């Protein structure tokens, strides 16, 4: 049998086997690729899905997905903190300080929004803590360092790192103490307040073009003190026991309006005085409690 005859016979045999059970069928390449892409997308969604255990109506359930609304506020706070870092690197220190204060406002809203809409979750709590590390740990330290601490040399970046490390330790300790301490008090200076003190100092002194060695030394002390107070055992009032649903005297609203007016006149100075007073309140009250005679 010649080669052409053998090829012709092999071709006829393949055609006769088409449609027979068990016989190899020609592949539809386009359909196979589409199906493969669908399988890959499904696998990706399954493997990246967030699954956490929660208790609803006294029963433990496994919940998939995340709540969008509170995490949008957390993401916005994270963006503001990152913007502060970029602005500080570019020498725009006023914008960097303002961004840190914006991050503070957004950070205060995400938890309240979650409680109001009943969308609390473990994912949201962890995400909020990581965002706080950027907005209130890295951002203030880097802004202060790029503005004036870098002029001091090694001491400047060591103090900046001290602040970052203390912020991380503060957030870690806060996470493990949730539910075991009196919510009326914070143990140690809250990281947003420490960041506000540093940001307000940079904003105020930068607007005064403070380049003298005395201002450098002052910022060194401010950053170091804010870091140490975060990991201290000094108690700070949390304002969490205030009930905003109860009626208050008219003078309270008048005082709030007056505070907004004063802040708008000179925002950097007034915010520095406000948060400086809060930061100092912890040690002052601690000393007063120590000095108070025991009954």
C-alpha atoms as a PDB file:
ATOM      1  CA  UNK A   1       0.000   0.000   0.000  1.00  0.00           C
ATOM      2  CA  UNK A   2       1.373   3.318  -1.017  1.00  0.00           C
ATOM      3  CA  UNK A   3       1.801   6.263   1.376  1.00  0.00           C
ATOM      4  CA  UNK A   4      -1.076   8.185  -0.277  1.00  0.00           C
ATOM      5  CA  UNK A   5      -3.392   5.214   0.124  1.00  0.00           C
ATOM      6  CA  UNK A   6      -2.515   4.861   3.836  1.00  0.00           C
ATOM      7  CA  UNK A   7      -3.202   8.595   4.431  1.00  0.00           C
ATOM      8  CA  UNK A   8      -6.539   8.360   2.642  1.00  0.00           C
ATOM      9  CA  UNK A   9      -7.579   5.350   4.740  1.00  0.00           C
ATOM     10  CA  UNK A  10      -6.576   7.086   7.977  1.00  0.00           C
ATOM     11  CA  UNK A  11      -8.648  10.155   7.023  1.00  0.00           C
ATOM     12  CA  UNK A  12     -11.713   8.062   6.226  1.00  0.00           C
ATOM     13  CA  UNK A  13     -11.367   6.229   9.553  1.00  0.00           C
ATOM     14  CA  UNK A  14     -11.316   9.522  11.516  1.00  0.00           C
ATOM     15  CA  UNK A  15     -14.440  10.786   9.746  1.00  0.00           C
ATOM     16  CA  UNK A  16     -16.310   7.556  10.396  1.00  0.00           C
ATOM     17  CA  UNK A  17     -15.557   7.766  14.154  1.00  0.00           C
ATOM     18  CA  UNK A  18     -17.092  11.236  14.544  1.00  0.00           C
ATOM     19  CA  UNK A  19     -20.146  11.165  16.766  1.00  0.00           C
ATOM     20  CA  UNK A  20     -19.355   7.684  18.169  1.00  0.00           C
ATOM     21  CA  UNK A  21     -19.468   7.375  21.982  1.00  0.00           C
ATOM     22  CA  UNK A  22     -16.008   7.534  23.484  1.00  0.00           C
ATOM     23  CA  UNK A  23     -14.446   8.744  20.265  1.00  0.00           C
ATOM     24  CA  UNK A  24     -12.270  11.875  20.490  1.00  0.00           C
ATOM     25  CA  UNK A  25     -14.231  14.948  19.440  1.00  0.00           C
ATOM     26  CA  UNK A  26     -12.808  18.103  17.899  1.00  0.00           C
ATOM     27  CA  UNK A  27     -12.349  20.909  20.437  1.00  0.00           C
ATOM     28  CA  UNK A  28     -14.140  24.210  20.140  1.00  0.00           C
ATOM     29  CA  UNK A  29     -11.176  26.444  20.941  1.00  0.00           C
ATOM     30  CA  UNK A  30     -13.186  29.634  21.376  1.00  0.00           C
ATOM     31  CA  UNK A  31     -15.740  28.049  23.741  1.00  0.00           C
ATOM     32  CA  UNK A  32     -12.965  26.419  25.788  1.00  0.00           C
ATOM     33  CA  UNK A  33     -11.210  29.736  26.286  1.00  0.00           C
ATOM     34  CA  UNK A  34     -14.427  31.456  27.394  1.00  0.00           C
ATOM     35  CA  UNK A  35     -15.189  28.700  29.871  1.00  0.00           C
ATOM     36  CA  UNK A  36     -11.643  28.859  31.219  1.00  0.00           C
ATOM     37  CA  UNK A  37     -11.937  32.583  31.767  1.00  0.00           C
ATOM     38  CA  UNK A  38     -15.223  32.152  33.628  1.00  0.00           C
ATOM     39  CA  UNK A  39     -13.718  29.488  35.840  1.00  0.00           C
ATOM     40  CA  UNK A  40     -10.697  31.693  36.573  1.00  0.00           C
ATOM     41  CA  UNK A  41     -12.898  34.658  37.538  1.00  0.00           C
ATOM     42  CA  UNK A  42     -15.055  32.481  39.766  1.00  0.00           C
ATOM     43  CA  UNK A  43     -12.000  31.026  41.461  1.00  0.00           C
ATOM     44  CA  UNK A  44     -10.530  34.488  41.985  1.00  0.00           C
ATOM     45  CA  UNK A  45     -13.723  35.764  43.620  1.00  0.00           C
ATOM     46  CA  UNK A  46     -13.948  32.697  45.816  1.00  0.00           C
ATOM     47  CA  UNK A  47     -10.329  32.822  46.962  1.00  0.00           C
ATOM     48  CA  UNK A  48     -10.313  36.574  47.665  1.00  0.00           C
ATOM     49  CA  UNK A  49     -13.677  36.745  49.419  1.00  0.00           C
ATOM     50  CA  UNK A  50     -13.663  37.988  53.024  1.00  0.00           C
ATOM     51  CA  UNK A  51     -15.332  35.492  55.355  1.00  0.00           C
ATOM     52  CA  UNK A  52     -15.669  36.172  59.059  1.00  0.00           C
ATOM     53  CA  UNK A  53     -17.619  34.728  61.941  1.00  0.00           C
ATOM     54  CA  UNK A  54     -20.271  36.911  63.554  1.00  0.00           C
ATOM     55  CA  UNK A  55     -23.003  36.528  66.146  1.00  0.00           C
ATOM     56  CA  UNK A  56     -26.511  37.502  65.086  1.00  0.00           C
ATOM     57  CA  UNK A  57     -29.580  36.825  67.236  1.00  0.00           C
ATOM     58  CA  UNK A  58     -27.451  34.736  69.564  1.00  0.00           C
ATOM     59  CA  UNK A  59     -26.267  32.430  66.774  1.00  0.00           C
ATOM     60  CA  UNK A  60     -22.791  32.239  65.307  1.00  0.00           C
ATOM     61  CA  UNK A  61     -22.829  32.621  61.530  1.00  0.00           C
ATOM     62  CA  UNK A  62     -20.243  32.847  58.754  1.00  0.00           C
ATOM     63  CA  UNK A  63     -20.664  36.097  56.857  1.00  0.00           C
ATOM     64  CA  UNK A  64     -19.218  36.774  53.409  1.00  0.00           C
ATOM     65  CA  UNK A  65     -18.298  40.180  52.029  1.00  0.00           C
ATOM     66  CA  UNK A  66     -17.688  43.559  53.673  1.00  0.00           C
ATOM     67  CA  UNK A  67     -19.837  46.572  54.471  1.00  0.00           C
ATOM     68  CA  UNK A  68     -19.188  49.354  51.996  1.00  0.00           C
ATOM     69  CA  UNK A  69     -20.319  52.542  53.774  1.00  0.00           C
ATOM     70  CA  UNK A  70     -18.091  52.595  56.888  1.00  0.00           C
ATOM     71  CA  UNK A  71     -15.118  51.291  54.917  1.00  0.00           C
ATOM     72  CA  UNK A  72     -15.511  54.172  52.455  1.00  0.00           C
ATOM     73  CA  UNK A  73     -14.906  56.598  55.328  1.00  0.00           C
ATOM     74  CA  UNK A  74     -11.896  54.557  56.454  1.00  0.00           C
ATOM     75  CA  UNK A  75     -10.509  54.562  52.918  1.00  0.00           C
ATOM     76  CA  UNK A  76     -10.998  58.317  52.700  1.00  0.00           C
ATOM     77  CA  UNK A  77      -9.107  58.783  55.974  1.00  0.00           C
ATOM     78  CA  UNK A  78      -6.326  56.570  54.635  1.00  0.00           C
ATOM     79  CA  UNK A  79      -6.172  58.645  51.466  1.00  0.00           C
ATOM     80  CA  UNK A  80      -5.944  61.864  53.506  1.00  0.00           C
ATOM     81  CA  UNK A  81      -3.058  60.417  55.516  1.00  0.00           C
ATOM     82  CA  UNK A  82      -1.207  59.334  52.390  1.00  0.00           C
ATOM     83  CA  UNK A  83      -1.822  62.755  50.831  1.00  0.00           C
ATOM     84  CA  UNK A  84      -0.269  64.348  53.934  1.00  0.00           C
ATOM     85  CA  UNK A  85       2.886  62.299  53.394  1.00  0.00           C
ATOM     86  CA  UNK A  86       3.101  63.294  49.723  1.00  0.00           C
ATOM     87  CA  UNK A  87       2.427  66.963  50.520  1.00  0.00           C
ATOM     88  CA  UNK A  88       5.121  66.930  53.200  1.00  0.00           C
ATOM     89  CA  UNK A  89       7.661  65.459  50.783  1.00  0.00           C
ATOM     90  CA  UNK A  90       6.776  68.191  48.287  1.00  0.00           C
ATOM     91  CA  UNK A  91       7.238  70.901  50.913  1.00  0.00           C
ATOM     92  CA  UNK A  92       3.524  71.772  51.162  1.00  0.00           C
ATOM     93  CA  UNK A  93       3.381  71.598  54.954  1.00  0.00           C
ATOM     94  CA  UNK A  94       0.169  73.558  55.425  1.00  0.00           C
ATOM     95  CA  UNK A  95      -1.677  71.180  53.088  1.00  0.00           C
ATOM     96  CA  UNK A  96      -0.105  68.217  54.878  1.00  0.00           C
ATOM     97  CA  UNK A  97      -1.297  69.433  58.284  1.00  0.00           C
ATOM     98  CA  UNK A  98      -4.809  70.121  56.994  1.00  0.00           C
ATOM     99  CA  UNK A  99      -4.936  66.629  55.459  1.00  0.00           C
ATOM    100  CA  UNK A 100      -4.121  65.071  58.842  1.00  0.00           C
ATOM    101  CA  UNK A 101      -6.997  66.972  60.458  1.00  0.00           C
ATOM    102  CA  UNK A 102      -9.308  65.840  57.655  1.00  0.00           C
ATOM    103  CA  UNK A 103      -8.206  62.263  58.339  1.00  0.00           C
ATOM    104  CA  UNK A 104      -9.139  62.812  61.997  1.00  0.00           C
ATOM    105  CA  UNK A 105     -12.670  63.867  61.086  1.00  0.00           C
ATOM    106  CA  UNK A 106     -13.153  60.933  58.719  1.00  0.00           C
ATOM    107  CA  UNK A 107     -11.717  58.506  61.272  1.00  0.00           C
ATOM    108  CA  UNK A 108     -14.229  59.735  63.822  1.00  0.00           C
ATOM    109  CA  UNK A 109     -17.084  59.202  61.390  1.00  0.00           C
ATOM    110  CA  UNK A 110     -16.430  55.639  60.222  1.00  0.00           C
ATOM    111  CA  UNK A 111     -17.046  54.038  63.602  1.00  0.00           C
ATOM    112  CA  UNK A 112     -20.135  56.123  64.288  1.00  0.00           C
ATOM    113  CA  UNK A 113     -21.543  55.365  60.850  1.00  0.00           C
ATOM    114  CA  UNK A 114     -20.947  51.652  61.420  1.00  0.00           C
ATOM    115  CA  UNK A 115     -22.783  51.751  64.755  1.00  0.00           C
ATOM    116  CA  UNK A 116     -25.660  53.839  63.409  1.00  0.00           C
ATOM    117  CA  UNK A 117     -26.184  51.518  60.434  1.00  0.00           C
ATOM    118  CA  UNK A 118     -25.380  48.321  62.389  1.00  0.00           C
ATOM    119  CA  UNK A 119     -22.530  47.466  60.014  1.00  0.00           C
ATOM    120  CA  UNK A 120     -19.742  46.746  62.498  1.00  0.00           C
ATOM    121  CA  UNK A 121     -17.344  43.982  61.541  1.00  0.00           C
ATOM    122  CA  UNK A 122     -13.952  42.576  62.474  1.00  0.00           C
ATOM    123  CA  UNK A 123     -12.684  43.463  59.013  1.00  0.00           C
ATOM    124  CA  UNK A 124     -13.711  47.083  59.499  1.00  0.00           C
ATOM    125  CA  UNK A 125     -11.987  47.267  62.878  1.00  0.00           C
ATOM    126  CA  UNK A 126      -8.719  45.857  61.512  1.00  0.00           C
ATOM    127  CA  UNK A 127      -8.864  48.057  58.413  1.00  0.00           C
ATOM    128  CA  UNK A 128      -9.470  51.121  60.578  1.00  0.00           C
ATOM    129  CA  UNK A 129      -6.469  50.288  62.753  1.00  0.00           C
ATOM    130  CA  UNK A 130      -4.169  49.913  59.739  1.00  0.00           C
ATOM    131  CA  UNK A 131      -5.444  53.176  58.262  1.00  0.00           C
ATOM    132  CA  UNK A 132      -4.795  54.909  61.601  1.00  0.00           C
ATOM    133  CA  UNK A 133      -1.209  53.697  61.499  1.00  0.00           C
ATOM    134  CA  UNK A 134      -0.689  55.553  58.224  1.00  0.00           C
ATOM    135  CA  UNK A 135      -2.720  58.668  59.003  1.00  0.00           C
ATOM    136  CA  UNK A 136      -1.720  59.163  62.641  1.00  0.00           C
ATOM    137  CA  UNK A 137       1.553  57.241  62.840  1.00  0.00           C
ATOM    138  CA  UNK A 138       3.572  57.572  59.661  1.00  0.00           C
ATOM    139  CA  UNK A 139       2.112  60.821  58.299  1.00  0.00           C
ATOM    140  CA  UNK A 140       2.771  63.163  61.283  1.00  0.00           C
ATOM    141  CA  UNK A 141       6.267  61.777  61.834  1.00  0.00           C
ATOM    142  CA  UNK A 142       7.254  62.123  58.160  1.00  0.00           C
ATOM    143  CA  UNK A 143       5.746  65.603  57.861  1.00  0.00           C
ATOM    144  CA  UNK A 144       7.621  66.791  60.959  1.00  0.00           C
ATOM    145  CA  UNK A 145      10.823  65.129  59.756  1.00  0.00           C
ATOM    146  CA  UNK A 146      10.733  66.557  56.230  1.00  0.00           C
ATOM    147  CA  UNK A 147       9.964  70.026  57.601  1.00  0.00           C
ATOM    148  CA  UNK A 148      12.491  70.527  60.381  1.00  0.00           C
ATOM    149  CA  UNK A 149      13.661  67.352  62.143  1.00  0.00           C
ATOM    150  CA  UNK A 150      15.924  66.353  59.272  1.00  0.00           C
ATOM    151  CA  UNK A 151      18.008  69.469  59.995  1.00  0.00           C
ATOM    152  CA  UNK A 152      18.971  67.999  63.378  1.00  0.00           C
ATOM    153  CA  UNK A 153      20.594  64.944  61.810  1.00  0.00           C
ATOM    154  CA  UNK A 154      20.486  61.494  63.344  1.00  0.00           C
ATOM    155  CA  UNK A 155      18.584  62.651  66.406  1.00  0.00           C
ATOM    156  CA  UNK A 156      15.792  63.945  64.183  1.00  0.00           C
ATOM    157  CA  UNK A 157      15.052  60.682  62.399  1.00  0.00           C
ATOM    158  CA  UNK A 158      15.472  58.664  65.611  1.00  0.00           C
ATOM    159  CA  UNK A 159      12.794  60.786  67.321  1.00  0.00           C
ATOM    160  CA  UNK A 160      10.555  60.489  64.239  1.00  0.00           C
ATOM    161  CA  UNK A 161      10.935  56.705  64.369  1.00  0.00           C
ATOM    162  CA  UNK A 162      10.202  56.754  68.107  1.00  0.00           C
ATOM    163  CA  UNK A 163       6.883  58.429  67.356  1.00  0.00           C
ATOM    164  CA  UNK A 164       6.016  55.867  64.653  1.00  0.00           C
ATOM    165  CA  UNK A 165       6.912  52.923  66.904  1.00  0.00           C
ATOM    166  CA  UNK A 166       4.894  54.335  69.799  1.00  0.00           C
ATOM    167  CA  UNK A 167       1.887  54.867  67.518  1.00  0.00           C
ATOM    168  CA  UNK A 168       2.060  51.219  66.410  1.00  0.00           C
ATOM    169  CA  UNK A 169       2.335  50.020  70.008  1.00  0.00           C
ATOM    170  CA  UNK A 170      -0.518  52.301  71.061  1.00  0.00           C
ATOM    171  CA  UNK A 171      -2.847  50.947  68.377  1.00  0.00           C
ATOM    172  CA  UNK A 172      -1.911  47.332  69.147  1.00  0.00           C
ATOM    173  CA  UNK A 173      -2.556  47.828  72.856  1.00  0.00           C
ATOM    174  CA  UNK A 174      -5.844  49.577  72.177  1.00  0.00           C
ATOM    175  CA  UNK A 175      -7.038  46.681  70.003  1.00  0.00           C
ATOM    176  CA  UNK A 176      -6.410  44.085  72.701  1.00  0.00           C
ATOM    177  CA  UNK A 177      -7.937  46.236  75.453  1.00  0.00           C
ATOM    178  CA  UNK A 178     -11.290  46.771  73.717  1.00  0.00           C
ATOM    179  CA  UNK A 179     -14.047  45.667  76.052  1.00  0.00           C
ATOM    180  CA  UNK A 180     -11.747  45.276  79.076  1.00  0.00           C
ATOM    181  CA  UNK A 181     -11.267  48.934  80.079  1.00  0.00           C
ATOM    182  CA  UNK A 182     -13.629  51.745  81.058  1.00  0.00           C
ATOM    183  CA  UNK A 183     -14.802  53.369  77.838  1.00  0.00           C
ATOM    184  CA  UNK A 184     -14.896  56.733  79.631  1.00  0.00           C
ATOM    185  CA  UNK A 185     -11.093  56.877  79.533  1.00  0.00           C
ATOM    186  CA  UNK A 186      -8.303  56.206  77.075  1.00  0.00           C
ATOM    187  CA  UNK A 187      -5.199  54.537  78.471  1.00  0.00           C
ATOM    188  CA  UNK A 188      -2.454  56.649  76.950  1.00  0.00           C
ATOM    189  CA  UNK A 189      -2.814  59.553  74.539  1.00  0.00           C
ATOM    190  CA  UNK A 190      -5.029  58.605  71.558  1.00  0.00           C
ATOM    191  CA  UNK A 191      -3.065  58.498  68.315  1.00  0.00           C
ATOM    192  CA  UNK A 192      -5.378  60.999  66.517  1.00  0.00           C
ATOM    193  CA  UNK A 193      -4.776  63.561  69.288  1.00  0.00           C
ATOM    194  CA  UNK A 194      -1.018  62.983  69.149  1.00  0.00           C
ATOM    195  CA  UNK A 195      -1.110  63.442  65.378  1.00  0.00           C
ATOM    196  CA  UNK A 196      -3.187  66.612  65.790  1.00  0.00           C
ATOM    197  CA  UNK A 197      -0.613  68.065  68.197  1.00  0.00           C
ATOM    198  CA  UNK A 198       2.253  67.409  65.779  1.00  0.00           C
ATOM    199  CA  UNK A 199       0.283  68.605  62.733  1.00  0.00           C
ATOM    200  CA  UNK A 200      -0.881  71.794  64.466  1.00  0.00           C
ATOM    201  CA  UNK A 201       2.687  72.516  65.588  1.00  0.00           C
ATOM    202  CA  UNK A 202       4.010  72.117  62.049  1.00  0.00           C
ATOM    203  CA  UNK A 203       1.160  74.234  60.652  1.00  0.00           C
ATOM    204  CA  UNK A 204       1.641  77.031  63.199  1.00  0.00           C
ATOM    205  CA  UNK A 205       5.425  77.244  63.289  1.00  0.00           C
ATOM    206  CA  UNK A 206       5.761  76.808  59.526  1.00  0.00           C
ATOM    207  CA  UNK A 207       3.454  79.782  58.956  1.00  0.00           C
ATOM    208  CA  UNK A 208       5.804  81.792  61.187  1.00  0.00           C
ATOM    209  CA  UNK A 209       8.820  80.668  59.104  1.00  0.00           C
ATOM    210  CA  UNK A 210      10.373  79.231  62.228  1.00  0.00           C
ATOM    211  CA  UNK A 211      13.870  78.069  61.248  1.00  0.00           C
ATOM    212  CA  UNK A 212      15.746  78.947  64.438  1.00  0.00           C
ATOM    213  CA  UNK A 213      17.381  76.195  66.491  1.00  0.00           C
ATOM    214  CA  UNK A 214      14.934  76.848  69.322  1.00  0.00           C
ATOM    215  CA  UNK A 215      11.996  75.818  67.118  1.00  0.00           C
ATOM    216  CA  UNK A 216      13.871  72.710  66.000  1.00  0.00           C
ATOM    217  CA  UNK A 217      14.432  71.753  69.606  1.00  0.00           C
ATOM    218  CA  UNK A 218      10.788  72.492  70.425  1.00  0.00           C
ATOM    219  CA  UNK A 219       9.546  70.217  67.618  1.00  0.00           C
ATOM    220  CA  UNK A 220      11.939  67.534  68.807  1.00  0.00           C
ATOM    221  CA  UNK A 221      10.374  67.687  72.268  1.00  0.00           C
ATOM    222  CA  UNK A 222       6.794  67.828  70.906  1.00  0.00           C
ATOM    223  CA  UNK A 223       7.216  64.758  68.680  1.00  0.00           C
ATOM    224  CA  UNK A 224       9.024  62.755  71.355  1.00  0.00           C
ATOM    225  CA  UNK A 225       6.534  63.700  74.090  1.00  0.00           C
ATOM    226  CA  UNK A 226       3.550  62.836  71.888  1.00  0.00           C
ATOM    227  CA  UNK A 227       5.067  59.429  71.161  1.00  0.00           C
ATOM    228  CA  UNK A 228       5.852  58.625  74.791  1.00  0.00           C
ATOM    229  CA  UNK A 229       2.436  59.767  76.011  1.00  0.00           C
ATOM    230  CA  UNK A 230       0.758  57.374  73.553  1.00  0.00           C
ATOM    231  CA  UNK A 231       2.321  54.351  75.269  1.00  0.00           C
ATOM    232  CA  UNK A 232       2.021  55.705  78.793  1.00  0.00           C
ATOM    233  CA  UNK A 233      -0.574  54.614  81.342  1.00  0.00           C
ATOM    234  CA  UNK A 234      -1.877  58.154  81.761  1.00  0.00           C
ATOM    235  CA  UNK A 235      -5.648  58.324  81.390  1.00  0.00           C
ATOM    236  CA  UNK A 236      -7.327  60.703  78.948  1.00  0.00           C
ATOM    237  CA  UNK A 237     -11.009  61.531  78.873  1.00  0.00           C
ATOM    238  CA  UNK A 238     -12.637  59.833  75.869  1.00  0.00           C
ATOM    239  CA  UNK A 239     -15.894  61.886  75.667  1.00  0.00           C
ATOM    240  CA  UNK A 240     -17.671  58.606  74.843  1.00  0.00           C
ATOM    241  CA  UNK A 241     -20.095  58.960  77.740  1.00  0.00           C
ATOM    242  CA  UNK A 242     -21.569  62.175  76.370  1.00  0.00           C
ATOM    243  CA  UNK A 243     -25.192  61.732  75.346  1.00  0.00           C
ATOM    244  CA  UNK A 244     -25.907  63.957  72.358  1.00  0.00           C
ATOM    245  CA  UNK A 245     -29.578  62.943  72.367  1.00  0.00           C
ATOM    246  CA  UNK A 246     -30.342  64.700  75.646  1.00  0.00           C
ATOM    247  CA  UNK A 247     -31.280  68.398  75.749  1.00  0.00           C
ATOM    248  CA  UNK A 248     -28.543  70.793  76.835  1.00  0.00           C
ATOM    249  CA  UNK A 249     -28.605  74.423  77.997  1.00  0.00           C
ATOM    250  CA  UNK A 250     -28.646  77.051  75.286  1.00  0.00           C
ATOM    251  CA  UNK A 251     -25.270  78.354  76.435  1.00  0.00           C
ATOM    252  CA  UNK A 252     -23.629  75.101  75.297  1.00  0.00           C
ATOM    253  CA  UNK A 253     -24.619  75.736  71.691  1.00  0.00           C
ATOM    254  CA  UNK A 254     -23.454  79.338  72.054  1.00  0.00           C
ATOM    255  CA  UNK A 255     -20.063  78.131  73.303  1.00  0.00           C
ATOM    256  CA  UNK A 256     -19.740  75.773  70.315  1.00  0.00           C
ATOM    257  CA  UNK A 257     -20.497  78.612  67.898  1.00  0.00           C
ATOM    258  CA  UNK A 258     -17.913  80.797  69.640  1.00  0.00           C
ATOM    259  CA  UNK A 259     -15.342  78.015  69.373  1.00  0.00           C
ATOM    260  CA  UNK A 260     -15.917  77.725  65.622  1.00  0.00           C
ATOM    261  CA  UNK A 261     -15.503  81.496  65.262  1.00  0.00           C
ATOM    262  CA  UNK A 262     -12.222  81.497  67.183  1.00  0.00           C
ATOM    263  CA  UNK A 263     -10.861  78.575  65.185  1.00  0.00           C
ATOM    264  CA  UNK A 264     -11.778  80.222  61.878  1.00  0.00           C
ATOM    265  CA  UNK A 265      -9.891  83.404  62.814  1.00  0.00           C
ATOM    266  CA  UNK A 266      -6.541  81.624  63.230  1.00  0.00           C
ATOM    267  CA  UNK A 267      -7.033  77.881  62.640  1.00  0.00           C
ATOM    268  CA  UNK A 268      -3.464  76.701  63.195  1.00  0.00           C
ATOM    269  CA  UNK A 269      -2.936  78.565  66.482  1.00  0.00           C
ATOM    270  CA  UNK A 270      -6.348  77.732  67.908  1.00  0.00           C
ATOM    271  CA  UNK A 271      -6.070  74.045  67.020  1.00  0.00           C
ATOM    272  CA  UNK A 272      -2.611  73.952  68.585  1.00  0.00           C
ATOM    273  CA  UNK A 273      -3.989  75.490  71.795  1.00  0.00           C
ATOM    274  CA  UNK A 274      -6.985  73.144  71.777  1.00  0.00           C
ATOM    275  CA  UNK A 275      -5.068  69.907  71.339  1.00  0.00           C
ATOM    276  CA  UNK A 276      -2.145  71.142  73.401  1.00  0.00           C
ATOM    277  CA  UNK A 277      -4.569  71.624  76.284  1.00  0.00           C
ATOM    278  CA  UNK A 278      -6.012  68.135  75.804  1.00  0.00           C
ATOM    279  CA  UNK A 279      -2.542  66.560  75.679  1.00  0.00           C
ATOM    280  CA  UNK A 280      -1.526  68.393  78.844  1.00  0.00           C
ATOM    281  CA  UNK A 281      -4.761  67.464  80.626  1.00  0.00           C
ATOM    282  CA  UNK A 282      -3.667  63.858  81.085  1.00  0.00           C
ATOM    283  CA  UNK A 283      -0.461  64.504  83.049  1.00  0.00           C
ATOM    284  CA  UNK A 284      -2.065  67.395  84.978  1.00  0.00           C
ATOM    285  CA  UNK A 285      -5.010  65.255  86.134  1.00  0.00           C
ATOM    286  CA  UNK A 286      -2.640  62.400  86.966  1.00  0.00           C
ATOM    287  CA  UNK A 287      -0.580  64.701  89.201  1.00  0.00           C
ATOM    288  CA  UNK A 288      -3.726  66.053  90.835  1.00  0.00           C
ATOM    289  CA  UNK A 289      -4.930  62.532  91.588  1.00  0.00           C
ATOM    290  CA  UNK A 290      -1.555  61.683  93.112  1.00  0.00           C
ATOM    291  CA  UNK A 291      -1.526  64.829  95.216  1.00  0.00           C
ATOM    292  CA  UNK A 292      -5.101  64.400  96.399  1.00  0.00           C
ATOM    293  CA  UNK A 293      -5.089  63.079  99.998  1.00  0.00           C
ATOM    294  CA  UNK A 294      -6.678  59.673 100.447  1.00  0.00           C
ATOM    295  CA  UNK A 295      -9.802  59.673 102.571  1.00  0.00           C
END
